[in-house]
Structure formats: C-alpha cells, structure tokens
C-alpha atoms as a PDB file:
ATOM      1  CA  MET A   1     -31.963  -7.979  -4.490  1.00  0.00           C
ATOM      2  CA  GLY A   2     -31.871  -4.214  -4.988  1.00  0.00           C
ATOM      3  CA  VAL A   3     -30.092  -1.899  -7.404  1.00  0.00           C
ATOM      4  CA  SER A   4     -26.745  -0.129  -7.193  1.00  0.00           C
ATOM      5  CA  ASP A   5     -26.238   3.251  -5.516  1.00  0.00           C
ATOM      6  CA  GLY A   6     -25.663   4.712  -8.973  1.00  0.00           C
ATOM      7  CA  THR A   7     -29.040   3.471 -10.192  1.00  0.00           C
ATOM      8  CA  THR A   8     -30.734   4.823  -7.062  1.00  0.00           C
ATOM      9  CA  ALA A   9     -29.167   8.220  -7.826  1.00  0.00           C
ATOM     10  CA  ILE A  10     -30.443   8.095 -11.425  1.00  0.00           C
ATOM     11  CA  ILE A  11     -33.975   7.369 -10.198  1.00  0.00           C
ATOM     12  CA  ALA A  12     -33.783  10.135  -7.575  1.00  0.00           C
ATOM     13  CA  ASP A  13     -32.699  12.596 -10.282  1.00  0.00           C
ATOM     14  CA  GLU A  14     -35.698  11.616 -12.391  1.00  0.00           C
ATOM     15  CA  VAL A  15     -38.190  11.826  -9.515  1.00  0.00           C
ATOM     16  CA  PHE A  16     -36.911  15.266  -8.533  1.00  0.00           C
ATOM     17  CA  GLY A  17     -37.019  16.395 -12.145  1.00  0.00           C
ATOM     18  CA  VAL A  18     -40.659  15.367 -12.428  1.00  0.00           C
ATOM     19  CA  ILE A  19     -41.499  17.390  -9.305  1.00  0.00           C
ATOM     20  CA  LEU A  20     -40.030  20.456 -11.020  1.00  0.00           C
ATOM     21  CA  ALA A  21     -41.600  19.710 -14.428  1.00  0.00           C
ATOM     22  CA  PRO A  22     -44.476  17.184 -14.184  1.00  0.00           C
ATOM     23  CA  ARG A  23     -44.647  14.627 -16.985  1.00  0.00           C
ATOM     24  CA  GLU A  24     -45.117  10.917 -17.630  1.00  0.00           C
ATOM     25  CA  VAL A  25     -42.200   8.473 -17.461  1.00  0.00           C
ATOM     26  CA  SER A  26     -42.012   4.712 -17.762  1.00  0.00           C
ATOM     27  CA  PRO A  27     -41.997   2.786 -14.452  1.00  0.00           C
ATOM     28  CA  PHE A  28     -38.571   2.446 -12.887  1.00  0.00           C
ATOM     29  CA  SER A  29     -39.284  -1.230 -12.200  1.00  0.00           C
ATOM     30  CA  ASP A  30     -39.609  -1.826 -15.963  1.00  0.00           C
ATOM     31  CA  ARG A  31     -36.196  -0.302 -16.631  1.00  0.00           C
ATOM     32  CA  PHE A  32     -34.497  -1.622 -13.481  1.00  0.00           C
ATOM     33  CA  PRO A  33     -36.194  -4.967 -12.619  1.00  0.00           C
ATOM     34  CA  GLU A  34     -34.271  -5.324  -9.335  1.00  0.00           C
ATOM     35  CA  PHE A  35     -35.553  -1.976  -8.009  1.00  0.00           C
ATOM     36  CA  ASP A  36     -37.295  -2.839  -4.732  1.00  0.00           C
ATOM     37  CA  LEU A  37     -39.028  -1.173  -1.797  1.00  0.00           C
ATOM     38  CA  GLU A  38     -35.825  -0.661   0.176  1.00  0.00           C
ATOM     39  CA  ASP A  39     -34.309   1.120  -2.842  1.00  0.00           C
ATOM     40  CA  ALA A  40     -37.464   3.230  -3.154  1.00  0.00           C
ATOM     41  CA  TYR A  41     -37.165   4.497   0.397  1.00  0.00           C
ATOM     42  CA  GLY A  42     -33.558   5.401  -0.332  1.00  0.00           C
ATOM     43  CA  VAL A  43     -34.937   7.598  -3.126  1.00  0.00           C
ATOM     44  CA  VAL A  44     -37.506   9.071  -0.712  1.00  0.00           C
ATOM     45  CA  LYS A  45     -34.722  10.006   1.717  1.00  0.00           C
ATOM     46  CA  GLU A  46     -32.723  11.711  -1.029  1.00  0.00           C
ATOM     47  CA  ILE A  47     -35.761  13.621  -2.319  1.00  0.00           C
ATOM     48  CA  ARG A  48     -36.402  14.861   1.205  1.00  0.00           C
ATOM     49  CA  ARG A  49     -32.818  16.090   1.437  1.00  0.00           C
ATOM     50  CA  ARG A  50     -33.142  18.005  -1.833  1.00  0.00           C
ATOM     51  CA  ARG A  51     -36.481  19.531  -0.921  1.00  0.00           C
ATOM     52  CA  GLU A  52     -35.191  20.689   2.433  1.00  0.00           C
ATOM     53  CA  VAL A  53     -32.160  22.264   0.752  1.00  0.00           C
ATOM     54  CA  ARG A  54     -34.538  24.496  -1.186  1.00  0.00           C
ATOM     55  CA  GLY A  55     -36.422  25.454   1.973  1.00  0.00           C
ATOM     56  CA  GLU A  56     -39.296  22.982   2.146  1.00  0.00           C
ATOM     57  CA  ARG A  57     -40.294  21.533   5.515  1.00  0.00           C
ATOM     58  CA  VAL A  58     -41.704  18.098   6.424  1.00  0.00           C
ATOM     59  CA  VAL A  59     -45.082  18.392   8.187  1.00  0.00           C
ATOM     60  CA  GLY A  60     -46.172  14.757   8.199  1.00  0.00           C
ATOM     61  CA  ARG A  61     -46.490  11.501   6.279  1.00  0.00           C
ATOM     62  CA  LYS A  62     -48.900   9.995   3.818  1.00  0.00           C
ATOM     63  CA  ILE A  63     -49.814   6.346   3.545  1.00  0.00           C
ATOM     64  CA  GLY A  64     -50.916   5.147   0.152  1.00  0.00           C
ATOM     65  CA  PHE A  65     -52.757   2.052  -1.029  1.00  0.00           C
ATOM     66  CA  THR A  66     -54.149   1.048   2.354  1.00  0.00           C
ATOM     67  CA  ASN A  67     -57.347   0.077   0.551  1.00  0.00           C
ATOM     68  CA  THR A  68     -56.576  -3.548  -0.296  1.00  0.00           C
ATOM     69  CA  GLU A  69     -59.406  -3.728  -2.844  1.00  0.00           C
ATOM     70  CA  ALA A  70     -57.387  -1.399  -5.076  1.00  0.00           C
ATOM     71  CA  TRP A  71     -54.145  -3.374  -5.138  1.00  0.00           C
ATOM     72  CA  ALA A  72     -54.952  -5.581  -8.113  1.00  0.00           C
ATOM     73  CA  GLY A  73     -56.271  -2.656 -10.122  1.00  0.00           C
ATOM     74  CA  TYR A  74     -53.073  -0.694  -9.634  1.00  0.00           C
ATOM     75  CA  GLY A  75     -50.745  -3.647 -10.048  1.00  0.00           C
ATOM     76  CA  ILE A  76     -49.189  -3.295  -6.583  1.00  0.00           C
ATOM     77  CA  SER A  77     -48.949  -5.610  -3.586  1.00  0.00           C
ATOM     78  CA  GLY A  78     -49.041  -3.440  -0.473  1.00  0.00           C
ATOM     79  CA  PRO A  79     -49.186   0.037   1.079  1.00  0.00           C
ATOM     80  CA  ILE A  80     -46.488   2.695   0.768  1.00  0.00           C
ATOM     81  CA  TRP A  81     -45.538   5.855   2.666  1.00  0.00           C
ATOM     82  CA  ASN A  82     -43.901   9.158   1.804  1.00  0.00           C
ATOM     83  CA  TYR A  83     -43.363  12.597   3.325  1.00  0.00           C
ATOM     84  CA  LEU A  84     -45.802  15.513   3.335  1.00  0.00           C
ATOM     85  CA  TYR A  85     -44.302  18.989   2.889  1.00  0.00           C
ATOM     86  CA  ASP A  86     -45.486  22.468   3.800  1.00  0.00           C
ATOM     87  CA  THR A  87     -45.445  23.339   0.090  1.00  0.00           C
ATOM     88  CA  THR A  88     -48.057  20.705  -0.802  1.00  0.00           C
ATOM     89  CA  THR A  89     -50.159  20.524   2.379  1.00  0.00           C
ATOM     90  CA  PHE A  90     -52.860  23.074   3.178  1.00  0.00           C
ATOM     91  CA  ASP A  91     -55.928  23.753   5.260  1.00  0.00           C
ATOM     92  CA  LEU A  92     -59.027  23.317   3.130  1.00  0.00           C
ATOM     93  CA  PRO A  93     -59.913  26.693   1.573  1.00  0.00           C
ATOM     94  CA  PRO A  94     -63.269  28.304   2.414  1.00  0.00           C
ATOM     95  CA  GLN A  95     -66.247  27.015   0.455  1.00  0.00           C
ATOM     96  CA  GLY A  96     -65.823  28.099  -3.128  1.00  0.00           C
ATOM     97  CA  GLY A  97     -62.024  28.040  -2.885  1.00  0.00           C
ATOM     98  CA  THR A  98     -60.087  26.475  -5.738  1.00  0.00           C
ATOM     99  CA  PHE A  99     -56.805  24.647  -6.326  1.00  0.00           C
ATOM    100  CA  PRO A 100     -54.936  24.639  -9.670  1.00  0.00           C
ATOM    101  CA  ILE A 101     -53.707  21.172 -10.606  1.00  0.00           C
ATOM    102  CA  GLY A 102     -51.223  22.497 -13.160  1.00  0.00           C
ATOM    103  CA  THR A 103     -49.703  20.035 -15.595  1.00  0.00           C
ATOM    104  CA  TRP A 104     -49.669  16.942 -13.384  1.00  0.00           C
ATOM    105  CA  PRO A 105     -50.679  13.876 -15.444  1.00  0.00           C
ATOM    106  CA  ASN A 106     -53.299  11.263 -14.591  1.00  0.00           C
ATOM    107  CA  VAL A 107     -54.797  13.151 -11.644  1.00  0.00           C
ATOM    108  CA  ARG A 108     -57.189  11.401  -9.263  1.00  0.00           C
ATOM    109  CA  MET A 109     -59.121  12.550  -6.197  1.00  0.00           C
ATOM    110  CA  GLU A 110     -59.230  10.729  -2.875  1.00  0.00           C
ATOM    111  CA  THR A 111     -60.847  11.432   0.476  1.00  0.00           C
ATOM    112  CA  GLU A 112     -58.982  10.272   3.561  1.00  0.00           C
ATOM    113  CA  VAL A 113     -58.651  10.640   7.333  1.00  0.00           C
ATOM    114  CA  ALA A 114     -55.764  12.692   8.723  1.00  0.00           C
ATOM    115  CA  LEU A 115     -54.586  12.102  12.300  1.00  0.00           C
ATOM    116  CA  GLY A 116     -52.656  14.784  14.210  1.00  0.00           C
ATOM    117  CA  LEU A 117     -50.080  13.585  16.727  1.00  0.00           C
ATOM    118  CA  CYS A 118     -49.625  15.031  20.216  1.00  0.00           C
ATOM    119  CA  GLU A 119     -47.015  12.419  21.178  1.00  0.00           C
ATOM    120  CA  ALA A 120     -44.426  10.476  19.200  1.00  0.00           C
ATOM    121  CA  PRO A 121     -45.570   6.872  18.562  1.00  0.00           C
ATOM    122  CA  GLU A 122     -43.197   3.982  19.259  1.00  0.00           C
ATOM    123  CA  ALA A 123     -42.719   0.956  17.029  1.00  0.00           C
ATOM    124  CA  GLY A 124     -43.996  -1.568  19.582  1.00  0.00           C
ATOM    125  CA  MET A 125     -47.288   0.181  20.230  1.00  0.00           C
ATOM    126  CA  GLU A 126     -50.608  -1.519  19.527  1.00  0.00           C
ATOM    127  CA  ASP A 127     -53.734   0.262  18.298  1.00  0.00           C
ATOM    128  CA  ASP A 128     -54.959   1.153  21.798  1.00  0.00           C
ATOM    129  CA  ASP A 129     -51.589   2.650  22.730  1.00  0.00           C
ATOM    130  CA  LEU A 130     -51.523   4.751  19.568  1.00  0.00           C
ATOM    131  CA  LEU A 131     -54.847   6.326  20.472  1.00  0.00           C
ATOM    132  CA  ASP A 132     -53.088   8.208  23.259  1.00  0.00           C
ATOM    133  CA  CYS A 133     -50.733   9.747  20.685  1.00  0.00           C
ATOM    134  CA  ILE A 134     -53.554  11.259  18.584  1.00  0.00           C
ATOM    135  CA  GLU A 135     -54.700  14.824  19.236  1.00  0.00           C
ATOM    136  CA  TRP A 136     -57.186  15.313  16.396  1.00  0.00           C
ATOM    137  CA  ALA A 137     -58.808  13.674  13.380  1.00  0.00           C
ATOM    138  CA  ALA A 138     -59.967  15.343  10.167  1.00  0.00           C
ATOM    139  CA  LEU A 139     -61.467  14.441   6.826  1.00  0.00           C
ATOM    140  CA  ASP A 140     -59.226  15.499   3.951  1.00  0.00           C
ATOM    141  CA  PHE A 141     -58.792  15.474   0.200  1.00  0.00           C
ATOM    142  CA  GLU A 142     -55.622  14.129  -1.355  1.00  0.00           C
ATOM    143  CA  ILE A 143     -55.041  15.023  -4.989  1.00  0.00           C
ATOM    144  CA  CYS A 144     -52.956  12.221  -6.447  1.00  0.00           C
ATOM    145  CA  THR A 145     -51.001  11.674  -9.635  1.00  0.00           C
ATOM    146  CA  SER A 146     -49.370   8.828 -11.472  1.00  0.00           C
ATOM    147  CA  ILE A 147     -46.367   9.853 -13.507  1.00  0.00           C
ATOM    148  CA  PHE A 148     -46.572   6.344 -14.944  1.00  0.00           C
ATOM    149  CA  PRO A 149     -48.966   5.842 -17.890  1.00  0.00           C
ATOM    150  CA  GLY A 150     -52.315   4.263 -17.093  1.00  0.00           C
ATOM    151  CA  TRP A 151     -51.689   4.137 -13.349  1.00  0.00           C
ATOM    152  CA  ARG A 152     -49.729   0.909 -13.892  1.00  0.00           C
ATOM    153  CA  PHE A 153     -46.676   0.396 -11.721  1.00  0.00           C
ATOM    154  CA  LYS A 154     -45.238  -1.729  -8.924  1.00  0.00           C
ATOM    155  CA  VAL A 155     -45.140  -0.891  -5.246  1.00  0.00           C
ATOM    156  CA  ALA A 156     -41.540   0.399  -5.367  1.00  0.00           C
ATOM    157  CA  ASP A 157     -42.448   2.862  -8.136  1.00  0.00           C
ATOM    158  CA  ALA A 158     -45.338   4.209  -6.064  1.00  0.00           C
ATOM    159  CA  ALA A 159     -43.205   4.541  -2.932  1.00  0.00           C
ATOM    160  CA  ALA A 160     -40.438   6.419  -4.730  1.00  0.00           C
ATOM    161  CA  THR A 161     -42.809   9.040  -6.123  1.00  0.00           C
ATOM    162  CA  GLY A 162     -45.481   9.225  -3.421  1.00  0.00           C
ATOM    163  CA  VAL A 163     -48.207   9.575  -6.128  1.00  0.00           C
ATOM    164  CA  HIS A 164     -48.925  12.964  -4.508  1.00  0.00           C
ATOM    165  CA  VAL A 165     -49.869  16.433  -5.751  1.00  0.00           C
ATOM    166  CA  ALA A 166     -51.460  18.107  -2.715  1.00  0.00           C
ATOM    167  CA  LEU A 167     -53.359  17.504   0.520  1.00  0.00           C
ATOM    168  CA  PHE A 168     -56.222  19.647   1.859  1.00  0.00           C
ATOM    169  CA  VAL A 169     -57.168  19.090   5.502  1.00  0.00           C
ATOM    170  CA  GLY A 170     -60.697  19.825   6.718  1.00  0.00           C
ATOM    171  CA  ALA A 171     -61.879  20.792  10.202  1.00  0.00           C
ATOM    172  CA  ARG A 172     -59.802  19.200  12.964  1.00  0.00           C
ATOM    173  CA  HIS A 173     -61.873  17.389  15.596  1.00  0.00           C
ATOM    174  CA  PRO A 174     -60.318  16.773  19.052  1.00  0.00           C
ATOM    175  CA  VAL A 175     -59.961  13.065  19.819  1.00  0.00           C
ATOM    176  CA  ALA A 176     -58.843  13.282  23.465  1.00  0.00           C
ATOM    177  CA  VAL A 177     -62.367  14.103  24.694  1.00  0.00           C
ATOM    178  CA  SER A 178     -63.458  10.549  23.843  1.00  0.00           C
ATOM    179  CA  ARG A 179     -60.720   8.344  22.398  1.00  0.00           C
ATOM    180  CA  GLU A 180     -62.699   5.102  22.632  1.00  0.00           C
ATOM    181  CA  ARG A 181     -65.687   6.599  20.827  1.00  0.00           C
ATOM    182  CA  TRP A 182     -63.431   7.927  18.092  1.00  0.00           C
ATOM    183  CA  ALA A 183     -61.733   4.539  17.750  1.00  0.00           C
ATOM    184  CA  ASP A 184     -65.135   2.917  17.167  1.00  0.00           C
ATOM    185  CA  GLN A 185     -66.257   5.623  14.739  1.00  0.00           C
ATOM    186  CA  LEU A 186     -63.074   5.532  12.690  1.00  0.00           C
ATOM    187  CA  ALA A 187     -63.453   1.788  12.162  1.00  0.00           C
ATOM    188  CA  SER A 188     -67.137   1.914  11.232  1.00  0.00           C
ATOM    189  CA  PHE A 189     -68.057   5.264   9.643  1.00  0.00           C
ATOM    190  CA  SER A 190     -69.031   5.582   5.990  1.00  0.00           C
ATOM    191  CA  VAL A 191     -68.190   8.259   3.431  1.00  0.00           C
ATOM    192  CA  ARG A 192     -69.277   9.265  -0.057  1.00  0.00           C
ATOM    193  CA  LEU A 193     -66.943  11.023  -2.478  1.00  0.00           C
ATOM    194  CA  SER A 194     -68.686  12.759  -5.364  1.00  0.00           C
ATOM    195  CA  GLU A 195     -68.071  15.219  -8.169  1.00  0.00           C
ATOM    196  CA  ALA A 196     -70.933  17.619  -8.865  1.00  0.00           C
ATOM    197  CA  ALA A 197     -71.465  16.572 -12.477  1.00  0.00           C
ATOM    198  CA  GLY A 198     -69.835  13.179 -12.605  1.00  0.00           C
ATOM    199  CA  PRO A 199     -68.466  10.180 -10.744  1.00  0.00           C
ATOM    200  CA  ARG A 200     -69.031   9.151  -7.181  1.00  0.00           C
ATOM    201  CA  ALA A 201     -67.798   6.395  -4.878  1.00  0.00           C
ATOM    202  CA  SER A 202     -68.658   5.084  -1.426  1.00  0.00           C
ATOM    203  CA  GLY A 203     -66.497   3.567   1.274  1.00  0.00           C
ATOM    204  CA  GLY A 204     -65.462   4.093   4.865  1.00  0.00           C
ATOM    205  CA  GLY A 205     -62.956   3.604   7.632  1.00  0.00           C
ATOM    206  CA  ALA A 206     -62.996  -0.186   7.469  1.00  0.00           C
ATOM    207  CA  GLN A 207     -61.461  -0.075   3.983  1.00  0.00           C
ATOM    208  CA  VAL A 208     -58.243   1.475   5.316  1.00  0.00           C
ATOM    209  CA  LEU A 209     -56.549  -1.691   6.596  1.00  0.00           C
ATOM    210  CA  GLY A 210     -59.592  -2.067   8.874  1.00  0.00           C
ATOM    211  CA  SER A 211     -59.357   1.423  10.398  1.00  0.00           C
ATOM    212  CA  PRO A 212     -57.237   4.595  10.105  1.00  0.00           C
ATOM    213  CA  ILE A 213     -55.786   3.670  13.510  1.00  0.00           C
ATOM    214  CA  ARG A 214     -54.560   0.356  12.107  1.00  0.00           C
ATOM    215  CA  ALA A 215     -53.096   2.220   9.137  1.00  0.00           C
ATOM    216  CA  LEU A 216     -51.142   4.379  11.595  1.00  0.00           C
ATOM    217  CA  THR A 217     -49.913   1.221  13.344  1.00  0.00           C
ATOM    218  CA  TYR A 218     -48.754  -0.095   9.972  1.00  0.00           C
ATOM    219  CA  LEU A 219     -46.857   3.110   9.232  1.00  0.00           C
ATOM    220  CA  VAL A 220     -45.046   3.163  12.577  1.00  0.00           C
ATOM    221  CA  ARG A 221     -43.824  -0.382  12.005  1.00  0.00           C
ATOM    222  CA  GLU A 222     -42.813   0.241   8.387  1.00  0.00           C
ATOM    223  CA  LEU A 223     -40.758   3.283   9.388  1.00  0.00           C
ATOM    224  CA  ALA A 224     -38.867   1.112  11.857  1.00  0.00           C
ATOM    225  CA  ARG A 225     -38.467  -1.673   9.296  1.00  0.00           C
ATOM    226  CA  TYR A 226     -37.007   0.530   6.557  1.00  0.00           C
ATOM    227  CA  GLY A 227     -35.067   2.988   8.685  1.00  0.00           C
ATOM    228  CA  GLY A 228     -37.408   5.924   8.110  1.00  0.00           C
ATOM    229  CA  GLU A 229     -37.318   8.841  10.519  1.00  0.00           C
ATOM    230  CA  PRO A 230     -39.753   8.119  13.380  1.00  0.00           C
ATOM    231  CA  LEU A 231     -42.916  10.180  13.628  1.00  0.00           C
ATOM    232  CA  ARG A 232     -42.758  13.183  15.937  1.00  0.00           C
ATOM    233  CA  ALA A 233     -45.288  15.067  18.053  1.00  0.00           C
ATOM    234  CA  GLY A 234     -46.810  17.821  15.934  1.00  0.00           C
ATOM    235  CA  GLU A 235     -46.740  15.821  12.695  1.00  0.00           C
ATOM    236  CA  PHE A 236     -49.858  14.414  11.115  1.00  0.00           C
ATOM    237  CA  VAL A 237     -50.546  11.351   9.011  1.00  0.00           C
ATOM    238  CA  THR A 238     -53.082  10.958   6.226  1.00  0.00           C
ATOM    239  CA  THR A 239     -54.052   7.308   6.272  1.00  0.00           C
ATOM    240  CA  GLY A 240     -55.104   6.394   2.739  1.00  0.00           C
ATOM    241  CA  THR A 241     -58.165   6.588   0.544  1.00  0.00           C
ATOM    242  CA  LEU A 242     -61.520   5.641   2.051  1.00  0.00           C
ATOM    243  CA  THR A 243     -63.082   4.998  -1.374  1.00  0.00           C
ATOM    244  CA  GLN A 244     -61.981   4.219  -4.885  1.00  0.00           C
ATOM    245  CA  ALA A 245     -59.780   7.030  -6.225  1.00  0.00           C
ATOM    246  CA  LEU A 246     -61.635   8.854  -9.001  1.00  0.00           C
ATOM    247  CA  PRO A 247     -60.266  10.622 -12.119  1.00  0.00           C
ATOM    248  CA  ALA A 248     -60.216  14.402 -11.673  1.00  0.00           C
ATOM    249  CA  ALA A 249     -59.869  17.400 -13.998  1.00  0.00           C
ATOM    250  CA  PRO A 250     -59.915  21.217 -13.917  1.00  0.00           C
ATOM    251  CA  GLY A 251     -63.412  22.550 -13.306  1.00  0.00           C
ATOM    252  CA  ASP A 252     -64.464  19.622 -11.099  1.00  0.00           C
ATOM    253  CA  ARG A 253     -66.237  20.392  -7.818  1.00  0.00           C
ATOM    254  CA  TRP A 254     -65.632  17.619  -5.285  1.00  0.00           C
ATOM    255  CA  ARG A 255     -67.460  16.871  -2.063  1.00  0.00           C
ATOM    256  CA  ALA A 256     -66.956  14.278   0.682  1.00  0.00           C
ATOM    257  CA  GLU A 257     -69.775  13.475   3.103  1.00  0.00           C
ATOM    258  CA  ALA A 258     -69.219  11.317   6.184  1.00  0.00           C
ATOM    259  CA  ARG A 259     -71.832   9.453   8.191  1.00  0.00           C
ATOM    260  CA  GLY A 260     -71.301   7.747  11.545  1.00  0.00           C
ATOM    261  CA  ALA A 261     -68.393   9.968  12.639  1.00  0.00           C
ATOM    262  CA  GLU A 262     -68.146  13.548  13.825  1.00  0.00           C
ATOM    263  CA  PHE A 263     -66.574  14.864  10.622  1.00  0.00           C
ATOM    264  CA  ALA A 264     -67.757  17.991   8.855  1.00  0.00           C
ATOM    265  CA  ASP A 265     -68.407  17.541   5.119  1.00  0.00           C
ATOM    266  CA  ILE A 266     -65.677  18.975   2.893  1.00  0.00           C
ATOM    267  CA  GLU A 267     -65.663  20.488  -0.602  1.00  0.00           C
ATOM    268  CA  ILE A 268     -63.133  21.832  -3.109  1.00  0.00           C
ATOM    269  CA  ARG A 269     -63.069  22.961  -6.731  1.00  0.00           C
ATOM    270  CA  LEU A 270     -60.161  22.250  -9.080  1.00  0.00           C
ATOM    271  CA  ALA A 271     -58.905  25.036 -11.341  1.00  0.00           C
END
C-alpha cells in the first residue's frame, strides 16, 4: 500500500540523521506499518541526493541478505540493495592495518565477493551474458550495522538503511582470462570467516542465491523493477555475505580464507 510522501520524508530525515550521529532507533515498519520496499527505495534515492550534495560519490552497489538461510533469523523475506560511496568503500589496508568502527551500534562482520564491471549490464541478461560484463572479482569484508535493536526489522527497514558501515575490497583478480572457470569457482568455492580469539563461520559461493553471478542477475532485475539507476561500467557490486554474519567489536582481528577459487586470503583489525 505504501506511505505518504510526507512520511517518506520523515524516514529519510531519520536515516540521514543516523548517518551523521549513529544510534539505535525503532524500526520504521513498527511506526509506519504500510512502509514497504518501494517506499524504502524512495528513501534510498533521497539519501543519495543528500550525500552527493555534500560531495560524496557513488562507486557501486551492495546487495544484502542474499543468504536465504539468514532470512528467518533477521525477520526479513528477501534481499535488498543500496549504494556504495567513496566515503565508506576502501581498498583493504596492508596487513596490520586497522579500521575504527566508531559509535555504530550492533556491528557485525561479513565476508563477500565483489564484482567489478567493465560493461553496463542490461535487465534482460542471463547469468552467462553477465559474465561478459565482469572485469574482476575480489574477496571483501563488509562491516555491517543494525540501527534497529537486536537486528530485528523487516525488509523495507533494511533497504532504507543499507545496514552498512564500510566495505574493504581485497586483491582484484581478472575474470576475463577465464570467465567460464570463474563462473564455476564462484558457484562452488568455500570460505571461512574467523576472528583470532573468537567466533568463526563457514560458507561459500552457493549460499549467495546460488552464486555471486546469480546475485548480480537479481540486482540488475531489481533495479529495473524499482526504478533504480542502472549499473554502469566502472562500478562494482558486493554480492552479499558468504557465511553467517558475526558480531564484531573494537580489537577484533578478522580473517577470511577461501578454498576452491583464486582469491587471496584477507585480514583486518578493528579499532
């Protein structure tokens, strides 16, 4: 059914305010029961406008909740997407480098696959066609947040906020040299996410809607469905967590190790 333009503006004000001063808030869907995914992407568009006004630049997109095993645990019913900005997206620092997580609440760590685009995908493309649009693949860390207590929210709440703190991209591996081999590896490789003194989780490419390539296909179609700006050559897409997202805190040292794909292991410490 959707909410009014005035309500969308109220939610956009709150989302932008939380970016400037991170804190917990109650889910928008609790306060505005008719708030839906189309409304959420209206908020995303307005947040992009405001961020660009203050000089930030879009460098790509993120897909969230592509791991269907996590949907029930988070109380959502499908994947979401949001923009990546140059102010929150970085190359992975050298070994021993750190990242301060500031005052963001409910922080969790994910490891994902990022895909760099050399051509702009089109909405009607199938997985095989999309392979020709991919220049490189990389293992990355996404540091995520829930501004909603207990990581409990609906899909529209997640889409409006992006559940995003920062993205760190590891070594970029050219895909064009063997696209078919990379397609097979991305669907079948395994990965382990671990913190030096604490939790660990295992997963792999198959948990991301079957493959990171299929997650990219999903995104291209969702952008067309909800009127999002199409992907462009030069952008990249991070395709969603390969394992369970794990609680993270300052002082943690995280490592992701891939097997069955040509990814270099990655590591970061939170400050």
